[in-house]
Amino acid sequence: MTIPIMTRSFASDNSAGVHPKIMEALHACNHGHVVGYGDDPFTQRAVETFKTYFGDETGVYFVYGGTGANVTGLQAMLKPYQAVLCAETAHIYVDECGAPEKFTGAKLLPISTTDGKLRPEDLQPFLNMRGFEHHVQPAVISISQPTEMGTVYTVKELKDLSAFARKNGFWLHVDGARLANAAAYLDLPFHAFTVDVGVDILSFGGTKNGMMFGEAVLVFNKQFQSTFKYIRKQGMQLHSKMRYIAAQFSAYLNDDLWLHNARHANEMAQLLAEKLSDIPEVRLTQKVQTNAVFARIPRRLIKPLQEKYFFYIWNTEQNEVRWMTAFDTTETDVERFVTVVKDLLGS
């Protein structure tokens, strides 16, 4: 199915364009020659900026995209006979076409949750697999912050997971494709709910929040820093013209552009949820904490609404859909969308 170009949609923050300041940064770095593969001033500047957010001991490695960030990050921590514990909704399990298993050789073990979050009690039963040679050996806990359901782990929840990991010999990986939205919701600096709570490796995203392309793998555990550059290269994630990723991140992180964009997207989701709550036929299914709104709607509404505003069906059997807002969603966009919903329902 080919979807035409839309002025606005509520399908995904990936559908949004690139923030003008990011475009300006790309243009500004597009002059002259520099050494490739990251040995350039743009990349060094971006690395230092990341360290102001996460600490001087952080290993910063730029990659092409989110799947590459997750796969290489997990590969650094895994052996082929080991396994990753993750939520059954996790992007690494649902939306990466088996790439983590193909390239790490390890197995993903999905865990059912109601809100996308993992908790120590969910992980406890997998300890029984340890030491039995016929079973894969659970070694990594991977979570998404925020989750694919738009929910956010609190600092306490993260500390509880980290404590469980340390006690039982797990590494802790975080898929932070929308980390900025979580930070905006928590109203905390990045380090307070990543490196400070014991995360070993983090995929740090920007594409969903105004960048054109590129992600960063942040390696906090020094044990994995010395070998990660080889994993990145072998994993086909080393960009020769690195400055075009780095310059975007400098613009993204400086002057709190990331925070402005994320706060706005979150606020638009809150506004959408608030206006939808007045419609009896629409029932929200998850807490709206970031820029995602999940709802059950009458089946008869889905097709005609998709013809006007493309979006994804999350659960076909339950008529559950997902509506996403972005940095460029406006109040007018939300109001028009809700008006269309009401009109189609005859409200």
Protein backbone atom coordinates (compact mmCIF):
# COMPACT_ATOMS: atom_id res chain seq x y z
CA MET A 1 0.00 0.00 0.00
CA THR A 2 1.38 3.39 -1.01
CA ILE A 3 0.47 6.28 1.25
CA PRO A 4 0.37 9.68 -0.47
CA ILE A 5 2.20 12.74 0.86
CA MET A 6 0.14 14.21 3.69
CA THR A 7 0.15 17.67 5.20
CA ARG A 8 -0.18 16.04 8.61
CA SER A 9 -0.79 12.57 9.97
CA PHE A 10 -0.96 10.89 13.34
CA ALA A 11 0.75 7.69 12.21
CA SER A 12 4.22 8.24 13.65
CA ASP A 13 6.72 10.89 14.60
CA ASN A 14 8.79 9.31 11.81
CA SER A 15 6.29 10.84 9.41
CA ALA A 16 7.28 14.36 10.45
CA GLY A 17 9.88 16.36 8.58
CA VAL A 18 13.21 17.70 9.79
CA HIS A 19 13.43 20.65 12.17
CA PRO A 20 14.74 23.80 10.41
CA LYS A 21 17.63 24.10 12.87
CA ILE A 22 18.76 20.61 11.96
CA MET A 23 18.63 21.48 8.28
CA GLU A 24 20.67 24.60 9.00
CA ALA A 25 23.27 22.49 10.82
CA LEU A 26 23.53 20.11 7.86
CA HIS A 27 24.01 23.03 5.50
CA ALA A 28 26.59 24.67 7.78
CA CYS A 29 28.79 21.56 7.90
CA ASN A 30 28.54 20.99 4.15
CA HIS A 31 31.63 23.02 3.24
CA GLY A 32 35.18 21.98 2.55
CA HIS A 33 36.88 18.68 3.22
CA VAL A 34 37.37 16.95 6.56
CA VAL A 35 38.83 13.57 7.51
CA GLY A 36 36.23 10.82 7.29
CA TYR A 37 34.95 8.22 9.75
CA GLY A 38 34.68 10.62 12.69
CA ASP A 39 38.13 12.19 12.78
CA ASP A 40 36.69 15.61 12.15
CA PRO A 41 35.91 18.64 14.34
CA PHE A 42 32.14 18.28 13.94
CA THR A 43 32.18 14.77 15.37
CA GLN A 44 34.56 15.66 18.19
CA ARG A 45 32.36 18.62 19.11
CA ALA A 46 29.25 16.44 19.22
CA VAL A 47 31.01 13.81 21.34
CA GLU A 48 31.99 16.46 23.88
CA THR A 49 28.42 17.76 23.93
CA PHE A 50 27.13 14.29 24.73
CA LYS A 51 29.60 14.06 27.59
CA THR A 52 28.22 17.24 29.13
CA TYR A 53 24.88 15.45 29.36
CA PHE A 54 26.01 11.98 30.38
CA GLY A 55 29.46 12.35 31.91
CA ASP A 56 33.08 12.40 30.78
CA GLU A 57 33.43 8.61 30.94
CA THR A 58 30.72 8.01 28.34
CA GLY A 59 31.69 6.25 25.12
CA VAL A 60 29.88 7.95 22.22
CA TYR A 61 29.44 6.14 18.89
CA PHE A 62 27.32 7.45 16.04
CA VAL A 63 25.41 5.02 13.82
CA TYR A 64 22.90 5.23 10.99
CA GLY A 65 19.63 4.33 12.70
CA GLY A 66 17.75 2.81 15.59
CA THR A 67 17.93 -0.83 14.59
CA GLY A 68 21.67 -0.54 14.02
CA ALA A 69 22.05 1.13 17.40
CA ASN A 70 20.14 -1.61 19.18
CA VAL A 71 21.81 -4.48 17.36
CA THR A 72 25.37 -3.27 17.88
CA GLY A 73 24.68 -2.32 21.48
CA LEU A 74 23.28 -5.75 22.25
CA GLN A 75 26.04 -7.48 20.33
CA ALA A 76 28.64 -5.87 22.56
CA MET A 77 27.09 -7.56 25.61
CA LEU A 78 26.13 -10.97 24.25
CA LYS A 79 27.51 -14.35 23.31
CA PRO A 80 25.57 -16.48 20.79
CA TYR A 81 24.32 -18.93 23.42
CA GLN A 82 22.85 -16.16 25.55
CA ALA A 83 19.48 -14.42 25.56
CA VAL A 84 17.83 -11.03 25.99
CA LEU A 85 14.81 -10.54 28.22
CA CYS A 86 12.46 -7.93 26.75
CA ALA A 87 8.80 -6.94 26.71
CA GLU A 88 6.71 -8.63 24.02
CA THR A 89 6.00 -5.13 22.65
CA ALA A 90 9.70 -4.21 22.43
CA HIS A 91 10.88 -2.75 19.16
CA ILE A 92 13.79 -5.19 19.08
CA TYR A 93 11.29 -8.07 19.20
CA VAL A 94 8.44 -6.78 17.03
CA ASP A 95 9.84 -4.29 14.54
CA GLU A 96 13.44 -5.16 13.69
CA CYS A 97 12.79 -8.13 11.38
CA GLY A 98 14.86 -10.51 13.49
CA ALA A 99 18.01 -8.39 13.13
CA PRO A 100 19.04 -8.65 16.81
CA GLU A 101 18.90 -12.45 16.66
CA LYS A 102 20.52 -12.69 13.23
CA PHE A 103 23.50 -10.47 14.01
CA THR A 104 24.06 -11.33 17.68
CA GLY A 105 23.28 -15.04 17.38
CA ALA A 106 21.47 -14.72 20.69
CA LYS A 107 17.79 -15.29 21.41
CA LEU A 108 15.12 -12.78 22.43
CA LEU A 109 12.76 -13.95 25.15
CA PRO A 110 9.57 -11.83 25.14
CA ILE A 111 7.62 -11.16 28.31
CA SER A 112 3.94 -10.24 28.42
CA THR A 113 3.11 -6.91 30.07
CA THR A 114 0.04 -4.69 30.24
CA ASP A 115 1.86 -1.38 29.82
CA GLY A 116 5.10 -2.25 28.04
CA LYS A 117 7.16 -2.16 31.24
CA LEU A 118 9.29 -4.94 32.70
CA ARG A 119 9.50 -5.43 36.46
CA PRO A 120 11.82 -7.64 38.54
CA GLU A 121 9.01 -10.11 39.27
CA ASP A 122 8.57 -10.59 35.52
CA LEU A 123 12.24 -11.53 35.20
CA GLN A 124 12.60 -13.78 38.24
CA PRO A 125 11.30 -16.99 36.56
CA PHE A 126 14.02 -16.82 33.90
CA LEU A 127 16.70 -17.34 36.52
CA ASN A 128 15.73 -21.00 36.48
CA MET A 129 17.29 -21.27 33.01
CA ARG A 130 20.71 -20.35 34.31
CA GLY A 131 23.32 -23.10 34.32
CA PHE A 132 21.24 -25.63 32.35
CA GLU A 133 23.16 -26.41 29.17
CA HIS A 134 20.05 -27.19 27.12
CA HIS A 135 18.70 -23.66 27.59
CA VAL A 136 19.92 -20.33 26.27
CA GLN A 137 21.41 -18.32 29.10
CA PRO A 138 19.62 -15.04 29.92
CA ALA A 139 22.26 -12.32 30.04
CA VAL A 140 20.75 -8.96 29.07
CA ILE A 141 17.65 -7.07 30.15
CA SER A 142 16.52 -4.71 27.40
CA ILE A 143 13.86 -2.08 28.00
CA SER A 144 12.50 0.82 25.98
CA GLN A 145 12.31 4.27 27.57
CA PRO A 146 9.64 5.33 26.93
CA THR A 147 8.01 2.02 26.10
CA GLU A 148 6.33 1.27 22.82
CA MET A 149 3.04 1.93 24.66
CA GLY A 150 4.10 5.49 25.42
CA THR A 151 4.56 4.78 29.12
CA VAL A 152 7.60 5.94 31.07
CA TYR A 153 9.72 4.12 33.64
CA THR A 154 10.18 6.10 36.84
CA VAL A 155 13.63 6.45 38.39
CA LYS A 156 12.60 4.03 41.13
CA GLU A 157 11.45 1.43 38.60
CA LEU A 158 14.75 1.76 36.77
CA LYS A 159 16.74 1.44 39.97
CA ASP A 160 14.77 -1.69 40.88
CA LEU A 161 15.55 -3.22 37.48
CA SER A 162 19.19 -2.24 37.75
CA ALA A 163 19.47 -3.72 41.23
CA PHE A 164 17.95 -6.98 39.97
CA ALA A 165 20.38 -6.98 37.05
CA ARG A 166 23.43 -6.43 39.24
CA LYS A 167 22.35 -9.01 41.81
CA ASN A 168 21.77 -11.65 39.16
CA GLY A 169 24.58 -10.92 36.71
CA PHE A 170 22.61 -9.25 33.90
CA TRP A 171 23.58 -6.29 31.73
CA LEU A 172 21.01 -3.52 31.29
CA HIS A 173 20.30 -2.16 27.80
CA VAL A 174 17.94 0.71 27.00
CA ASP A 175 16.33 1.48 23.66
CA GLY A 176 16.01 5.26 23.88
CA ALA A 177 14.62 6.04 20.43
CA ARG A 178 12.27 8.53 22.11
CA LEU A 179 14.38 9.23 25.19
CA ALA A 180 13.78 12.98 24.87
CA ASN A 181 10.05 12.45 25.32
CA ALA A 182 10.70 10.47 28.51
CA ALA A 183 13.03 13.18 29.82
CA ALA A 184 10.41 15.84 29.12
CA TYR A 185 7.78 13.82 30.98
CA LEU A 186 10.04 13.06 33.96
CA ASP A 187 11.41 16.62 33.97
CA LEU A 188 14.86 15.19 34.66
CA PRO A 189 18.27 15.43 32.96
CA PHE A 190 19.18 12.44 30.81
CA HIS A 191 21.88 11.15 33.14
CA ALA A 192 19.45 10.93 36.09
CA PHE A 193 17.58 8.00 34.57
CA THR A 194 20.31 6.37 32.48
CA VAL A 195 23.92 6.26 33.61
CA ASP A 196 23.03 7.24 37.20
CA VAL A 197 20.69 4.26 37.61
CA GLY A 198 23.11 1.69 36.22
CA VAL A 199 22.36 1.42 32.50
CA ASP A 200 25.23 -0.27 30.65
CA ILE A 201 24.45 0.69 27.05
CA LEU A 202 21.89 3.14 25.67
CA SER A 203 20.56 3.69 22.16
CA PHE A 204 20.01 7.44 21.99
CA GLY A 205 17.59 8.55 19.30
CA GLY A 206 16.94 11.86 17.61
CA THR A 207 15.30 10.93 14.31
CA LYS A 208 11.81 10.75 15.85
CA ASN A 209 12.24 14.18 17.42
CA GLY A 210 13.31 16.40 14.54
CA MET A 211 16.54 14.96 13.14
CA MET A 212 16.97 13.63 9.59
CA PHE A 213 18.91 10.45 10.35
CA GLY A 214 21.46 9.03 12.74
CA GLU A 215 21.45 7.68 16.28
CA ALA A 216 24.08 7.38 19.00
CA VAL A 217 25.13 4.34 21.00
CA LEU A 218 26.22 5.51 24.43
CA VAL A 219 28.39 2.98 26.21
CA PHE A 220 28.56 3.71 29.94
CA ASN A 221 30.15 0.43 31.00
CA LYS A 222 33.88 0.73 30.28
CA GLN A 223 34.09 -3.04 29.85
CA PHE A 224 32.45 -2.66 26.43
CA GLN A 225 34.11 0.53 25.21
CA SER A 226 37.40 -0.87 23.93
CA THR A 227 35.77 -3.26 21.45
CA PHE A 228 32.65 -1.35 20.40
CA LYS A 229 34.29 0.47 17.49
CA TYR A 230 35.02 -2.90 15.86
CA ILE A 231 31.46 -4.07 16.41
CA ARG A 232 30.16 -0.86 14.83
CA LYS A 233 32.37 -1.28 11.76
CA GLN A 234 31.59 -4.97 11.30
CA GLY A 235 27.93 -4.17 11.86
CA MET A 236 27.96 -1.80 8.85
CA GLN A 237 27.15 1.22 11.04
CA LEU A 238 30.32 3.30 10.61
CA HIS A 239 29.38 6.30 8.50
CA SER A 240 32.25 7.59 6.36
CA LYS A 241 30.90 11.15 6.30
CA MET A 242 30.31 11.17 10.04
CA ARG A 243 30.03 14.94 10.27
CA TYR A 244 26.50 14.82 8.86
CA ILE A 245 25.28 12.78 11.81
CA ALA A 246 27.38 14.65 14.35
CA ALA A 247 26.35 18.13 13.23
CA GLN A 248 22.72 17.18 13.65
CA PHE A 249 23.29 16.02 17.21
CA SER A 250 25.15 19.22 18.10
CA ALA A 251 22.20 21.29 16.91
CA TYR A 252 19.77 18.89 18.57
CA LEU A 253 21.44 18.97 21.99
CA ASN A 254 22.53 22.61 22.08
CA ASP A 255 20.05 25.23 23.27
CA ASP A 256 17.71 22.44 24.40
CA LEU A 257 16.15 21.92 20.97
CA TRP A 258 15.56 18.28 21.94
CA LEU A 259 13.58 19.38 25.00
CA HIS A 260 11.53 21.99 23.19
CA ASN A 261 10.57 19.47 20.51
CA ALA A 262 9.77 16.68 22.95
CA ARG A 263 7.74 18.85 25.30
CA HIS A 264 5.68 20.14 22.42
CA ALA A 265 5.01 16.64 21.07
CA ASN A 266 4.02 15.44 24.54
CA GLU A 267 1.72 18.42 25.04
CA MET A 268 -0.01 17.78 21.73
CA ALA A 269 -0.62 14.15 22.75
CA GLN A 270 -2.11 15.35 26.03
CA LEU A 271 -4.34 17.75 24.15
CA LEU A 272 -5.43 15.01 21.77
CA ALA A 273 -6.23 12.67 24.66
CA GLU A 274 -8.14 15.39 26.48
CA LYS A 275 -10.33 16.19 23.49
CA LEU A 276 -10.91 12.51 22.68
CA SER A 277 -12.02 11.83 26.25
CA ASP A 278 -15.24 13.73 25.49
CA ILE A 279 -16.20 11.13 22.86
CA PRO A 280 -17.95 8.10 24.48
CA GLU A 281 -17.07 5.76 21.59
CA VAL A 282 -13.33 6.38 22.03
CA ARG A 283 -11.66 4.70 25.01
CA LEU A 284 -8.02 5.33 25.88
CA THR A 285 -6.15 2.13 26.71
CA GLN A 286 -2.84 3.48 28.07
CA LYS A 287 -1.71 6.40 30.18
CA VAL A 288 -0.69 9.27 27.93
CA GLN A 289 2.75 10.17 29.24
CA THR A 290 4.69 10.97 26.08
CA ASN A 291 3.61 11.54 22.48
CA ALA A 292 1.54 8.39 21.93
CA VAL A 293 -2.20 7.95 22.33
CA PHE A 294 -3.63 4.43 22.31
CA ALA A 295 -7.37 3.98 22.01
CA ARG A 296 -10.10 1.51 21.17
CA ILE A 297 -12.54 2.84 18.62
CA PRO A 298 -15.54 1.41 16.76
CA ARG A 299 -14.43 -0.82 13.90
CA ARG A 300 -16.59 1.11 11.44
CA LEU A 301 -14.56 4.24 12.16
CA ILE A 302 -11.11 2.87 11.29
CA LYS A 303 -11.19 2.73 7.49
CA PRO A 304 -12.87 6.11 6.80
CA LEU A 305 -10.64 7.81 9.37
CA GLN A 306 -7.51 6.27 7.85
CA GLU A 307 -8.56 7.65 4.48
CA LYS A 308 -8.39 11.15 5.94
CA TYR A 309 -5.54 10.71 8.46
CA PHE A 310 -3.25 7.74 8.08
CA PHE A 311 -2.41 5.90 11.33
CA TYR A 312 -1.58 2.37 12.45
CA ILE A 313 -3.85 -0.26 13.94
CA TRP A 314 -2.17 -1.63 17.05
CA ASN A 315 -4.49 -4.56 17.84
CA THR A 316 -6.90 -5.62 15.11
CA GLU A 317 -8.98 -7.93 17.30
CA GLN A 318 -9.57 -5.22 19.89
CA ASN A 319 -9.92 -2.30 17.44
CA GLU A 320 -7.02 -0.64 19.24
CA VAL A 321 -5.18 2.08 17.33
CA ARG A 322 -2.14 4.26 17.94
CA TRP A 323 -2.03 7.98 17.26
CA MET A 324 1.33 9.75 17.48
CA THR A 325 2.12 13.44 17.69
CA ALA A 326 5.40 15.09 16.69
CA PHE A 327 7.45 18.22 17.17
CA ASP A 328 5.54 19.92 14.36
CA THR A 329 2.00 18.88 15.36
CA THR A 330 -0.14 21.95 16.00
CA GLU A 331 -3.22 22.56 18.10
CA THR A 332 -5.11 23.13 14.88
CA ASP A 333 -4.00 19.68 13.65
CA VAL A 334 -5.41 18.11 16.81
CA GLU A 335 -8.67 20.04 16.67
CA ARG A 336 -9.25 19.16 13.02
CA PHE A 337 -8.53 15.50 13.68
CA VAL A 338 -10.97 15.34 16.58
CA THR A 339 -13.62 17.12 14.51
CA VAL A 340 -13.24 14.48 11.79
CA VAL A 341 -13.58 11.71 14.38
CA LYS A 342 -16.77 13.28 15.73
CA ASP A 343 -18.19 13.82 12.25
CA LEU A 344 -17.55 10.23 11.21
CA LEU A 345 -19.18 8.98 14.39
CA GLY A 346 -22.12 11.30 13.92
CA SER A 347 -21.43 12.89 17.30
